């Protein structure tokens, strides 16, 4: 049995990372330091003072110290996770959610006062952009894998992230400045049968802001790596084709039908221009009319 730290009455010194870990740990295990411990916590920032009445418990100090020594990885193993790359964080939260559910723990947790233990499963749907990084790191820290297993799991995630992120060339047609397209793309994804296939449980918080929806769209497309390259390529190709068809139909609706008669010679000339320019007859007539207007002297 581990020796408890000497009796202390003052809160310990915790870093920001420690506080986020403790909050996630208590959220998943609300009674770990006594009945309804988590209900005492008002916020992550105030967690030390919120738990002030409990710091007399030598066990709390021991648990925090031993957990960090056992399950925290050094910062160097987490450097590939970017605090500013929201697209990567969306992907990572979904990846962690699946991985932790599949393998919640591998070794006994150190000196638990109660035998039951629940891992902190990330909730990408409820995690706001400003919290994604800290929540991802906290989930990793609460994951009760040995250091070697956790390091290996994260190395695999880093490799999969590099392979799964779609290139700008393949996604540049998605215009974040077009609210119409962003709304359409989100609806297309949510209604697609790909959204409900096994292995594609994708969650992401987004607002009505087109930038949020753009991240949601890219995040889903990145996450489709789970279905394999062929399936993702098929989905992306169908999605882009559907959008192109929609834009074409909308452009056709903007045109009004005009009926007029042409002589046989004029129809022949129009057919010759159609072949030479490789354009439709409508486009040729529109171009000729525009040129005629532009060449007309002002008067």
C-alpha atoms as a PDB file:
ATOM      1  CA  UNK A   1       0.000   0.000   0.000  1.00  0.00           C
ATOM      2  CA  UNK A   2       1.328   3.415  -0.912  1.00  0.00           C
ATOM      3  CA  UNK A   3       2.313   5.786   1.864  1.00  0.00           C
ATOM      4  CA  UNK A   4       0.061   8.835   1.951  1.00  0.00           C
ATOM      5  CA  UNK A   5       1.553  12.279   1.782  1.00  0.00           C
ATOM      6  CA  UNK A   6       1.890  14.038   5.084  1.00  0.00           C
ATOM      7  CA  UNK A   7      -1.286  15.700   6.308  1.00  0.00           C
ATOM      8  CA  UNK A   8      -1.856  19.033   4.544  1.00  0.00           C
ATOM      9  CA  UNK A   9      -4.612  21.564   4.874  1.00  0.00           C
ATOM     10  CA  UNK A  10      -3.748  23.983   2.061  1.00  0.00           C
ATOM     11  CA  UNK A  11      -4.573  23.319  -1.594  1.00  0.00           C
ATOM     12  CA  UNK A  12      -1.696  21.960  -3.692  1.00  0.00           C
ATOM     13  CA  UNK A  13      -0.020  23.927  -6.449  1.00  0.00           C
ATOM     14  CA  UNK A  14      -1.626  22.827  -9.711  1.00  0.00           C
ATOM     15  CA  UNK A  15      -0.814  23.869 -13.259  1.00  0.00           C
ATOM     16  CA  UNK A  16      -3.510  24.610 -15.808  1.00  0.00           C
ATOM     17  CA  UNK A  17      -3.058  21.107 -17.202  1.00  0.00           C
ATOM     18  CA  UNK A  18      -3.449  19.639 -13.695  1.00  0.00           C
ATOM     19  CA  UNK A  19      -6.692  21.539 -13.123  1.00  0.00           C
ATOM     20  CA  UNK A  20      -8.213  20.369 -16.400  1.00  0.00           C
ATOM     21  CA  UNK A  21      -7.208  16.800 -15.594  1.00  0.00           C
ATOM     22  CA  UNK A  22      -8.705  16.997 -12.094  1.00  0.00           C
ATOM     23  CA  UNK A  23     -11.935  18.469 -13.453  1.00  0.00           C
ATOM     24  CA  UNK A  24     -12.269  15.733 -16.102  1.00  0.00           C
ATOM     25  CA  UNK A  25     -11.337  13.077 -13.521  1.00  0.00           C
ATOM     26  CA  UNK A  26     -13.993  14.245 -11.071  1.00  0.00           C
ATOM     27  CA  UNK A  27     -16.598  14.669 -13.815  1.00  0.00           C
ATOM     28  CA  UNK A  28     -16.167  11.013 -14.742  1.00  0.00           C
ATOM     29  CA  UNK A  29     -15.879   9.905 -11.089  1.00  0.00           C
ATOM     30  CA  UNK A  30     -17.973  12.375  -9.066  1.00  0.00           C
ATOM     31  CA  UNK A  31     -17.759  10.397  -5.809  1.00  0.00           C
ATOM     32  CA  UNK A  32     -14.087   9.491  -5.881  1.00  0.00           C
ATOM     33  CA  UNK A  33     -13.164  11.757  -2.935  1.00  0.00           C
ATOM     34  CA  UNK A  34     -16.487  11.490  -1.165  1.00  0.00           C
ATOM     35  CA  UNK A  35     -20.146  11.691  -2.038  1.00  0.00           C
ATOM     36  CA  UNK A  36     -20.894  14.262  -4.779  1.00  0.00           C
ATOM     37  CA  UNK A  37     -17.390  15.682  -4.814  1.00  0.00           C
ATOM     38  CA  UNK A  38     -17.850  17.015  -8.328  1.00  0.00           C
ATOM     39  CA  UNK A  39     -20.914  19.030  -7.305  1.00  0.00           C
ATOM     40  CA  UNK A  40     -18.607  21.245  -5.259  1.00  0.00           C
ATOM     41  CA  UNK A  41     -16.766  22.370  -8.397  1.00  0.00           C
ATOM     42  CA  UNK A  42     -18.023  25.666  -9.837  1.00  0.00           C
ATOM     43  CA  UNK A  43     -15.455  25.959 -12.628  1.00  0.00           C
ATOM     44  CA  UNK A  44     -12.041  24.733 -13.694  1.00  0.00           C
ATOM     45  CA  UNK A  45     -10.472  28.053 -12.736  1.00  0.00           C
ATOM     46  CA  UNK A  46     -11.851  27.881  -9.181  1.00  0.00           C
ATOM     47  CA  UNK A  47     -11.446  24.149  -8.641  1.00  0.00           C
ATOM     48  CA  UNK A  48      -8.815  24.539  -5.904  1.00  0.00           C
ATOM     49  CA  UNK A  49     -10.926  26.806  -3.733  1.00  0.00           C
ATOM     50  CA  UNK A  50     -14.108  24.883  -4.562  1.00  0.00           C
ATOM     51  CA  UNK A  51     -12.560  21.767  -3.051  1.00  0.00           C
ATOM     52  CA  UNK A  52     -10.934  23.692  -0.217  1.00  0.00           C
ATOM     53  CA  UNK A  53     -12.787  21.856   2.545  1.00  0.00           C
ATOM     54  CA  UNK A  54     -11.477  18.520   1.262  1.00  0.00           C
ATOM     55  CA  UNK A  55      -7.780  19.291   1.146  1.00  0.00           C
ATOM     56  CA  UNK A  56      -7.341  18.039   4.696  1.00  0.00           C
ATOM     57  CA  UNK A  57      -7.616  14.539   3.231  1.00  0.00           C
ATOM     58  CA  UNK A  58      -4.099  13.177   2.858  1.00  0.00           C
ATOM     59  CA  UNK A  59      -5.525  10.774   0.313  1.00  0.00           C
ATOM     60  CA  UNK A  60      -6.325  13.543  -2.164  1.00  0.00           C
ATOM     61  CA  UNK A  61      -2.738  14.721  -2.269  1.00  0.00           C
ATOM     62  CA  UNK A  62      -1.475  11.172  -2.684  1.00  0.00           C
ATOM     63  CA  UNK A  63      -3.924  10.412  -5.479  1.00  0.00           C
ATOM     64  CA  UNK A  64      -3.050  13.531  -7.487  1.00  0.00           C
ATOM     65  CA  UNK A  65       0.687  12.987  -7.125  1.00  0.00           C
ATOM     66  CA  UNK A  66       0.625   9.266  -7.917  1.00  0.00           C
ATOM     67  CA  UNK A  67      -1.752   9.651 -10.857  1.00  0.00           C
ATOM     68  CA  UNK A  68       0.472  12.267 -12.478  1.00  0.00           C
ATOM     69  CA  UNK A  69       3.546  10.115 -11.963  1.00  0.00           C
ATOM     70  CA  UNK A  70       1.787   7.054 -13.384  1.00  0.00           C
ATOM     71  CA  UNK A  71      -0.329   8.342 -16.261  1.00  0.00           C
ATOM     72  CA  UNK A  72       0.866  11.800 -17.387  1.00  0.00           C
ATOM     73  CA  UNK A  73       3.051  11.842 -20.497  1.00  0.00           C
ATOM     74  CA  UNK A  74       5.771  14.470 -20.895  1.00  0.00           C
ATOM     75  CA  UNK A  75       4.963  17.549 -22.963  1.00  0.00           C
ATOM     76  CA  UNK A  76       7.289  16.317 -25.728  1.00  0.00           C
ATOM     77  CA  UNK A  77       4.853  13.476 -26.494  1.00  0.00           C
ATOM     78  CA  UNK A  78       2.021  15.966 -26.945  1.00  0.00           C
ATOM     79  CA  UNK A  79       3.797  18.584 -29.069  1.00  0.00           C
ATOM     80  CA  UNK A  80       2.180  17.384 -32.296  1.00  0.00           C
ATOM     81  CA  UNK A  81      -1.234  18.428 -30.949  1.00  0.00           C
ATOM     82  CA  UNK A  82      -1.770  22.057 -31.975  1.00  0.00           C
ATOM     83  CA  UNK A  83      -3.759  24.394 -29.764  1.00  0.00           C
ATOM     84  CA  UNK A  84      -4.603  26.581 -32.764  1.00  0.00           C
ATOM     85  CA  UNK A  85      -5.535  23.898 -35.281  1.00  0.00           C
ATOM     86  CA  UNK A  86      -9.262  23.483 -34.676  1.00  0.00           C
ATOM     87  CA  UNK A  87      -9.570  21.020 -37.540  1.00  0.00           C
ATOM     88  CA  UNK A  88      -6.999  18.736 -35.928  1.00  0.00           C
ATOM     89  CA  UNK A  89      -8.622  19.075 -32.491  1.00  0.00           C
ATOM     90  CA  UNK A  90     -12.040  18.102 -33.886  1.00  0.00           C
ATOM     91  CA  UNK A  91     -10.461  15.025 -35.436  1.00  0.00           C
ATOM     92  CA  UNK A  92      -8.533  14.178 -32.273  1.00  0.00           C
ATOM     93  CA  UNK A  93     -11.521  14.465 -29.933  1.00  0.00           C
ATOM     94  CA  UNK A  94     -13.461  12.031 -32.116  1.00  0.00           C
ATOM     95  CA  UNK A  95     -10.456   9.730 -32.355  1.00  0.00           C
ATOM     96  CA  UNK A  96      -9.918   9.760 -28.584  1.00  0.00           C
ATOM     97  CA  UNK A  97     -13.586   9.120 -27.978  1.00  0.00           C
ATOM     98  CA  UNK A  98     -13.442   5.911 -29.998  1.00  0.00           C
ATOM     99  CA  UNK A  99     -10.060   4.783 -28.662  1.00  0.00           C
ATOM    100  CA  UNK A 100     -10.863   5.328 -24.985  1.00  0.00           C
ATOM    101  CA  UNK A 101     -14.213   3.576 -25.282  1.00  0.00           C
ATOM    102  CA  UNK A 102     -12.487   0.598 -26.919  1.00  0.00           C
ATOM    103  CA  UNK A 103      -9.669   0.458 -24.342  1.00  0.00           C
ATOM    104  CA  UNK A 104     -10.601   2.453 -21.214  1.00  0.00           C
ATOM    105  CA  UNK A 105      -7.792   1.165 -18.973  1.00  0.00           C
ATOM    106  CA  UNK A 106      -5.034  -1.422 -18.875  1.00  0.00           C
ATOM    107  CA  UNK A 107      -3.544  -1.275 -15.369  1.00  0.00           C
ATOM    108  CA  UNK A 108      -5.040  -0.817 -11.886  1.00  0.00           C
ATOM    109  CA  UNK A 109      -5.434   2.805 -10.909  1.00  0.00           C
ATOM    110  CA  UNK A 110      -3.188   3.897  -8.029  1.00  0.00           C
ATOM    111  CA  UNK A 111      -4.691   3.754  -4.553  1.00  0.00           C
ATOM    112  CA  UNK A 112      -8.338   4.285  -5.469  1.00  0.00           C
ATOM    113  CA  UNK A 113     -10.581   4.820  -2.428  1.00  0.00           C
ATOM    114  CA  UNK A 114     -13.410   3.150  -4.350  1.00  0.00           C
ATOM    115  CA  UNK A 115     -12.957   0.220  -6.735  1.00  0.00           C
ATOM    116  CA  UNK A 116     -15.080   1.665  -9.548  1.00  0.00           C
ATOM    117  CA  UNK A 117     -13.435   3.956 -12.077  1.00  0.00           C
ATOM    118  CA  UNK A 118     -14.756   5.573 -15.259  1.00  0.00           C
ATOM    119  CA  UNK A 119     -12.546   7.123 -17.948  1.00  0.00           C
ATOM    120  CA  UNK A 120     -13.243  10.647 -19.182  1.00  0.00           C
ATOM    121  CA  UNK A 121     -14.797  10.142 -22.630  1.00  0.00           C
ATOM    122  CA  UNK A 122     -14.512  13.355 -24.679  1.00  0.00           C
ATOM    123  CA  UNK A 123     -17.774  14.880 -25.883  1.00  0.00           C
ATOM    124  CA  UNK A 124     -16.931  16.665 -29.164  1.00  0.00           C
ATOM    125  CA  UNK A 125     -20.555  17.708 -29.569  1.00  0.00           C
ATOM    126  CA  UNK A 126     -20.515  19.736 -26.338  1.00  0.00           C
ATOM    127  CA  UNK A 127     -16.939  21.022 -26.461  1.00  0.00           C
ATOM    128  CA  UNK A 128     -16.617  24.630 -27.593  1.00  0.00           C
ATOM    129  CA  UNK A 129     -13.680  25.675 -29.818  1.00  0.00           C
ATOM    130  CA  UNK A 130     -11.838  27.488 -27.017  1.00  0.00           C
ATOM    131  CA  UNK A 131     -11.961  24.351 -24.839  1.00  0.00           C
ATOM    132  CA  UNK A 132     -11.065  21.678 -27.391  1.00  0.00           C
ATOM    133  CA  UNK A 133      -7.334  21.603 -26.738  1.00  0.00           C
ATOM    134  CA  UNK A 134      -7.544  21.463 -22.947  1.00  0.00           C
ATOM    135  CA  UNK A 135     -10.334  18.882 -23.053  1.00  0.00           C
ATOM    136  CA  UNK A 136      -8.324  16.662 -25.411  1.00  0.00           C
ATOM    137  CA  UNK A 137      -5.214  16.795 -23.213  1.00  0.00           C
ATOM    138  CA  UNK A 138      -7.323  16.170 -20.093  1.00  0.00           C
ATOM    139  CA  UNK A 139      -8.900  13.097 -21.702  1.00  0.00           C
ATOM    140  CA  UNK A 140      -5.426  11.789 -22.512  1.00  0.00           C
ATOM    141  CA  UNK A 141      -4.250  12.422 -18.941  1.00  0.00           C
ATOM    142  CA  UNK A 142      -7.273  10.636 -17.417  1.00  0.00           C
ATOM    143  CA  UNK A 143      -6.818   7.652 -19.749  1.00  0.00           C
ATOM    144  CA  UNK A 144      -5.497   4.911 -17.475  1.00  0.00           C
ATOM    145  CA  UNK A 145      -3.015   3.331 -19.863  1.00  0.00           C
ATOM    146  CA  UNK A 146       0.588   2.665 -18.970  1.00  0.00           C
ATOM    147  CA  UNK A 147       2.995   5.284 -20.292  1.00  0.00           C
ATOM    148  CA  UNK A 148       4.315   2.958 -22.978  1.00  0.00           C
ATOM    149  CA  UNK A 149       0.829   1.963 -24.166  1.00  0.00           C
ATOM    150  CA  UNK A 150      -0.398   5.543 -24.163  1.00  0.00           C
ATOM    151  CA  UNK A 151       2.680   6.784 -25.999  1.00  0.00           C
ATOM    152  CA  UNK A 152       2.199   4.068 -28.629  1.00  0.00           C
ATOM    153  CA  UNK A 153      -1.517   4.893 -28.978  1.00  0.00           C
ATOM    154  CA  UNK A 154      -0.822   8.597 -29.485  1.00  0.00           C
ATOM    155  CA  UNK A 155       1.969   7.898 -31.972  1.00  0.00           C
ATOM    156  CA  UNK A 156      -0.560   5.905 -33.982  1.00  0.00           C
ATOM    157  CA  UNK A 157      -3.036   8.790 -33.826  1.00  0.00           C
ATOM    158  CA  UNK A 158      -0.391  11.257 -34.975  1.00  0.00           C
ATOM    159  CA  UNK A 159       0.375   9.052 -37.977  1.00  0.00           C
ATOM    160  CA  UNK A 160      -3.311   8.588 -38.820  1.00  0.00           C
ATOM    161  CA  UNK A 161      -3.910  12.344 -38.581  1.00  0.00           C
ATOM    162  CA  UNK A 162      -1.150  13.011 -41.105  1.00  0.00           C
ATOM    163  CA  UNK A 163      -2.665  10.437 -43.441  1.00  0.00           C
ATOM    164  CA  UNK A 164      -6.348  11.280 -42.957  1.00  0.00           C
ATOM    165  CA  UNK A 165      -6.325  15.061 -43.441  1.00  0.00           C
ATOM    166  CA  UNK A 166      -7.605  15.898 -46.908  1.00  0.00           C
ATOM    167  CA  UNK A 167      -5.422  18.267 -48.892  1.00  0.00           C
ATOM    168  CA  UNK A 168      -6.416  21.848 -49.675  1.00  0.00           C
ATOM    169  CA  UNK A 169      -6.529  20.951 -53.363  1.00  0.00           C
ATOM    170  CA  UNK A 170      -9.371  18.513 -52.742  1.00  0.00           C
ATOM    171  CA  UNK A 171     -11.378  20.795 -50.471  1.00  0.00           C
ATOM    172  CA  UNK A 172     -10.773  24.246 -51.982  1.00  0.00           C
ATOM    173  CA  UNK A 173     -14.181  24.119 -53.721  1.00  0.00           C
ATOM    174  CA  UNK A 174     -15.764  24.424 -50.266  1.00  0.00           C
ATOM    175  CA  UNK A 175     -16.015  28.190 -49.879  1.00  0.00           C
ATOM    176  CA  UNK A 176     -16.163  29.283 -46.236  1.00  0.00           C
ATOM    177  CA  UNK A 177     -17.381  32.707 -47.419  1.00  0.00           C
ATOM    178  CA  UNK A 178     -20.501  31.204 -48.986  1.00  0.00           C
ATOM    179  CA  UNK A 179     -23.139  30.822 -46.302  1.00  0.00           C
ATOM    180  CA  UNK A 180     -25.416  29.153 -48.855  1.00  0.00           C
ATOM    181  CA  UNK A 181     -22.853  26.474 -49.638  1.00  0.00           C
ATOM    182  CA  UNK A 182     -21.939  25.900 -45.983  1.00  0.00           C
ATOM    183  CA  UNK A 183     -25.604  25.428 -45.042  1.00  0.00           C
ATOM    184  CA  UNK A 184     -26.110  23.064 -47.956  1.00  0.00           C
ATOM    185  CA  UNK A 185     -22.968  21.017 -47.192  1.00  0.00           C
ATOM    186  CA  UNK A 186     -23.882  20.498 -43.525  1.00  0.00           C
ATOM    187  CA  UNK A 187     -27.383  19.353 -44.527  1.00  0.00           C
ATOM    188  CA  UNK A 188     -25.915  17.078 -47.197  1.00  0.00           C
ATOM    189  CA  UNK A 189     -23.606  15.410 -44.662  1.00  0.00           C
ATOM    190  CA  UNK A 190     -26.265  15.038 -41.993  1.00  0.00           C
ATOM    191  CA  UNK A 191     -28.719  13.457 -44.421  1.00  0.00           C
ATOM    192  CA  UNK A 192     -26.207  11.201 -46.139  1.00  0.00           C
ATOM    193  CA  UNK A 193     -26.215   7.453 -45.503  1.00  0.00           C
ATOM    194  CA  UNK A 194     -22.439   7.741 -45.016  1.00  0.00           C
ATOM    195  CA  UNK A 195     -23.227   9.626 -41.806  1.00  0.00           C
ATOM    196  CA  UNK A 196     -24.735   6.474 -40.310  1.00  0.00           C
ATOM    197  CA  UNK A 197     -22.311   3.810 -41.436  1.00  0.00           C
ATOM    198  CA  UNK A 198     -20.532   1.649 -38.870  1.00  0.00           C
ATOM    199  CA  UNK A 199     -17.298   3.269 -37.761  1.00  0.00           C
ATOM    200  CA  UNK A 200     -18.365   6.822 -38.601  1.00  0.00           C
ATOM    201  CA  UNK A 201     -19.666   8.176 -35.323  1.00  0.00           C
ATOM    202  CA  UNK A 202     -18.708  11.796 -35.853  1.00  0.00           C
ATOM    203  CA  UNK A 203     -19.610  14.554 -33.405  1.00  0.00           C
ATOM    204  CA  UNK A 204     -18.741  18.249 -33.559  1.00  0.00           C
ATOM    205  CA  UNK A 205     -20.121  21.405 -31.990  1.00  0.00           C
ATOM    206  CA  UNK A 206     -20.931  24.152 -34.476  1.00  0.00           C
ATOM    207  CA  UNK A 207     -22.983  27.330 -34.564  1.00  0.00           C
ATOM    208  CA  UNK A 208     -24.666  29.190 -37.423  1.00  0.00           C
ATOM    209  CA  UNK A 209     -21.319  30.823 -38.192  1.00  0.00           C
ATOM    210  CA  UNK A 210     -20.124  29.641 -41.658  1.00  0.00           C
ATOM    211  CA  UNK A 211     -16.611  29.216 -40.220  1.00  0.00           C
ATOM    212  CA  UNK A 212     -17.897  26.724 -37.655  1.00  0.00           C
ATOM    213  CA  UNK A 213     -19.806  24.865 -40.343  1.00  0.00           C
ATOM    214  CA  UNK A 214     -16.724  24.803 -42.565  1.00  0.00           C
ATOM    215  CA  UNK A 215     -14.754  23.127 -39.769  1.00  0.00           C
ATOM    216  CA  UNK A 216     -17.593  20.661 -39.240  1.00  0.00           C
ATOM    217  CA  UNK A 217     -17.541  19.763 -42.930  1.00  0.00           C
ATOM    218  CA  UNK A 218     -13.764  19.346 -43.106  1.00  0.00           C
ATOM    219  CA  UNK A 219     -13.773  17.424 -39.830  1.00  0.00           C
ATOM    220  CA  UNK A 220     -16.317  14.952 -41.178  1.00  0.00           C
ATOM    221  CA  UNK A 221     -14.409  14.476 -44.422  1.00  0.00           C
ATOM    222  CA  UNK A 222     -11.188  13.860 -42.489  1.00  0.00           C
ATOM    223  CA  UNK A 223     -12.996  11.414 -40.205  1.00  0.00           C
ATOM    224  CA  UNK A 224     -14.208   9.389 -43.203  1.00  0.00           C
ATOM    225  CA  UNK A 225     -10.704   7.902 -43.431  1.00  0.00           C
ATOM    226  CA  UNK A 226     -12.187   5.205 -41.182  1.00  0.00           C
ATOM    227  CA  UNK A 227     -14.170   3.848 -44.132  1.00  0.00           C
ATOM    228  CA  UNK A 228     -11.130   3.612 -46.377  1.00  0.00           C
ATOM    229  CA  UNK A 229      -9.838   5.687 -49.275  1.00  0.00           C
ATOM    230  CA  UNK A 230     -12.288   4.398 -51.899  1.00  0.00           C
ATOM    231  CA  UNK A 231     -15.391   5.089 -49.819  1.00  0.00           C
ATOM    232  CA  UNK A 232     -14.225   8.562 -48.881  1.00  0.00           C
ATOM    233  CA  UNK A 233     -13.291   9.417 -52.460  1.00  0.00           C
ATOM    234  CA  UNK A 234     -16.730   8.249 -53.592  1.00  0.00           C
ATOM    235  CA  UNK A 235     -18.496  10.372 -50.981  1.00  0.00           C
ATOM    236  CA  UNK A 236     -16.441  13.464 -51.823  1.00  0.00           C
ATOM    237  CA  UNK A 237     -16.979  13.033 -55.576  1.00  0.00           C
ATOM    238  CA  UNK A 238     -20.757  12.639 -55.155  1.00  0.00           C
ATOM    239  CA  UNK A 239     -20.909  15.589 -52.810  1.00  0.00           C
ATOM    240  CA  UNK A 240     -19.062  17.884 -55.201  1.00  0.00           C
ATOM    241  CA  UNK A 241     -21.099  16.704 -58.196  1.00  0.00           C
ATOM    242  CA  UNK A 242     -24.364  17.281 -56.326  1.00  0.00           C
ATOM    243  CA  UNK A 243     -23.304  20.839 -55.503  1.00  0.00           C
ATOM    244  CA  UNK A 244     -22.321  21.525 -59.119  1.00  0.00           C
ATOM    245  CA  UNK A 245     -25.679  20.247 -60.325  1.00  0.00           C
ATOM    246  CA  UNK A 246     -27.487  22.435 -57.832  1.00  0.00           C
ATOM    247  CA  UNK A 247     -25.577  25.534 -58.956  1.00  0.00           C
ATOM    248  CA  UNK A 248     -26.286  24.705 -62.589  1.00  0.00           C
ATOM    249  CA  UNK A 249     -30.018  24.333 -61.943  1.00  0.00           C
ATOM    250  CA  UNK A 250     -30.048  27.634 -60.099  1.00  0.00           C
ATOM    251  CA  UNK A 251     -28.265  29.389 -62.951  1.00  0.00           C
ATOM    252  CA  UNK A 252     -30.724  27.936 -65.452  1.00  0.00           C
ATOM    253  CA  UNK A 253     -33.664  29.201 -63.392  1.00  0.00           C
ATOM    254  CA  UNK A 254     -32.235  32.706 -63.625  1.00  0.00           C
ATOM    255  CA  UNK A 255     -32.573  32.606 -67.386  1.00  0.00           C
ATOM    256  CA  UNK A 256     -35.819  33.442 -69.179  1.00  0.00           C
ATOM    257  CA  UNK A 257     -37.035  31.656 -72.256  1.00  0.00           C
ATOM    258  CA  UNK A 258     -36.975  33.805 -75.432  1.00  0.00           C
ATOM    259  CA  UNK A 259     -38.494  32.577 -78.681  1.00  0.00           C
ATOM    260  CA  UNK A 260     -37.580  33.964 -82.116  1.00  0.00           C
ATOM    261  CA  UNK A 261     -37.196  32.735 -85.680  1.00  0.00           C
ATOM    262  CA  UNK A 262     -33.937  32.385 -87.603  1.00  0.00           C
ATOM    263  CA  UNK A 263     -33.325  31.922 -91.297  1.00  0.00           C
ATOM    264  CA  UNK A 264     -31.776  28.684 -92.503  1.00  0.00           C
ATOM    265  CA  UNK A 265     -28.524  30.529 -93.184  1.00  0.00           C
ATOM    266  CA  UNK A 266     -28.448  32.015 -89.656  1.00  0.00           C
ATOM    267  CA  UNK A 267     -29.065  28.596 -88.111  1.00  0.00           C
ATOM    268  CA  UNK A 268     -26.238  27.199 -90.230  1.00  0.00           C
ATOM    269  CA  UNK A 269     -23.883  29.943 -89.090  1.00  0.00           C
ATOM    270  CA  UNK A 270     -24.866  29.319 -85.462  1.00  0.00           C
ATOM    271  CA  UNK A 271     -24.146  25.608 -85.820  1.00  0.00           C
ATOM    272  CA  UNK A 272     -20.738  26.364 -87.333  1.00  0.00           C
ATOM    273  CA  UNK A 273     -19.891  28.673 -84.422  1.00  0.00           C
ATOM    274  CA  UNK A 274     -21.077  26.034 -81.962  1.00  0.00           C
ATOM    275  CA  UNK A 275     -18.609  23.515 -83.364  1.00  0.00           C
ATOM    276  CA  UNK A 276     -15.760  25.992 -83.694  1.00  0.00           C
ATOM    277  CA  UNK A 277     -16.085  27.510 -80.221  1.00  0.00           C
ATOM    278  CA  UNK A 278     -17.272  24.340 -78.500  1.00  0.00           C
ATOM    279  CA  UNK A 279     -19.937  26.367 -76.732  1.00  0.00           C
ATOM    280  CA  UNK A 280     -23.697  26.083 -76.531  1.00  0.00           C
ATOM    281  CA  UNK A 281     -25.862  28.108 -78.905  1.00  0.00           C
ATOM    282  CA  UNK A 282     -27.260  30.069 -75.962  1.00  0.00           C
ATOM    283  CA  UNK A 283     -23.774  31.038 -74.810  1.00  0.00           C
ATOM    284  CA  UNK A 284     -22.736  32.114 -78.319  1.00  0.00           C
ATOM    285  CA  UNK A 285     -25.786  34.349 -78.732  1.00  0.00           C
ATOM    286  CA  UNK A 286     -25.233  35.895 -75.294  1.00  0.00           C
ATOM    287  CA  UNK A 287     -21.565  36.601 -76.124  1.00  0.00           C
ATOM    288  CA  UNK A 288     -22.419  38.155 -79.500  1.00  0.00           C
ATOM    289  CA  UNK A 289     -25.044  40.394 -77.921  1.00  0.00           C
ATOM    290  CA  UNK A 290     -22.622  41.493 -75.198  1.00  0.00           C
ATOM    291  CA  UNK A 291     -19.934  42.292 -77.803  1.00  0.00           C
ATOM    292  CA  UNK A 292     -22.423  44.286 -79.865  1.00  0.00           C
ATOM    293  CA  UNK A 293     -23.444  46.370 -76.874  1.00  0.00           C
ATOM    294  CA  UNK A 294     -19.828  47.017 -75.851  1.00  0.00           C
ATOM    295  CA  UNK A 295     -18.795  48.034 -79.395  1.00  0.00           C
ATOM    296  CA  UNK A 296     -21.714  50.474 -79.796  1.00  0.00           C
ATOM    297  CA  UNK A 297     -20.450  54.056 -79.614  1.00  0.00           C
ATOM    298  CA  UNK A 298     -21.976  56.151 -76.823  1.00  0.00           C
ATOM    299  CA  UNK A 299     -24.705  58.469 -77.967  1.00  0.00           C
END
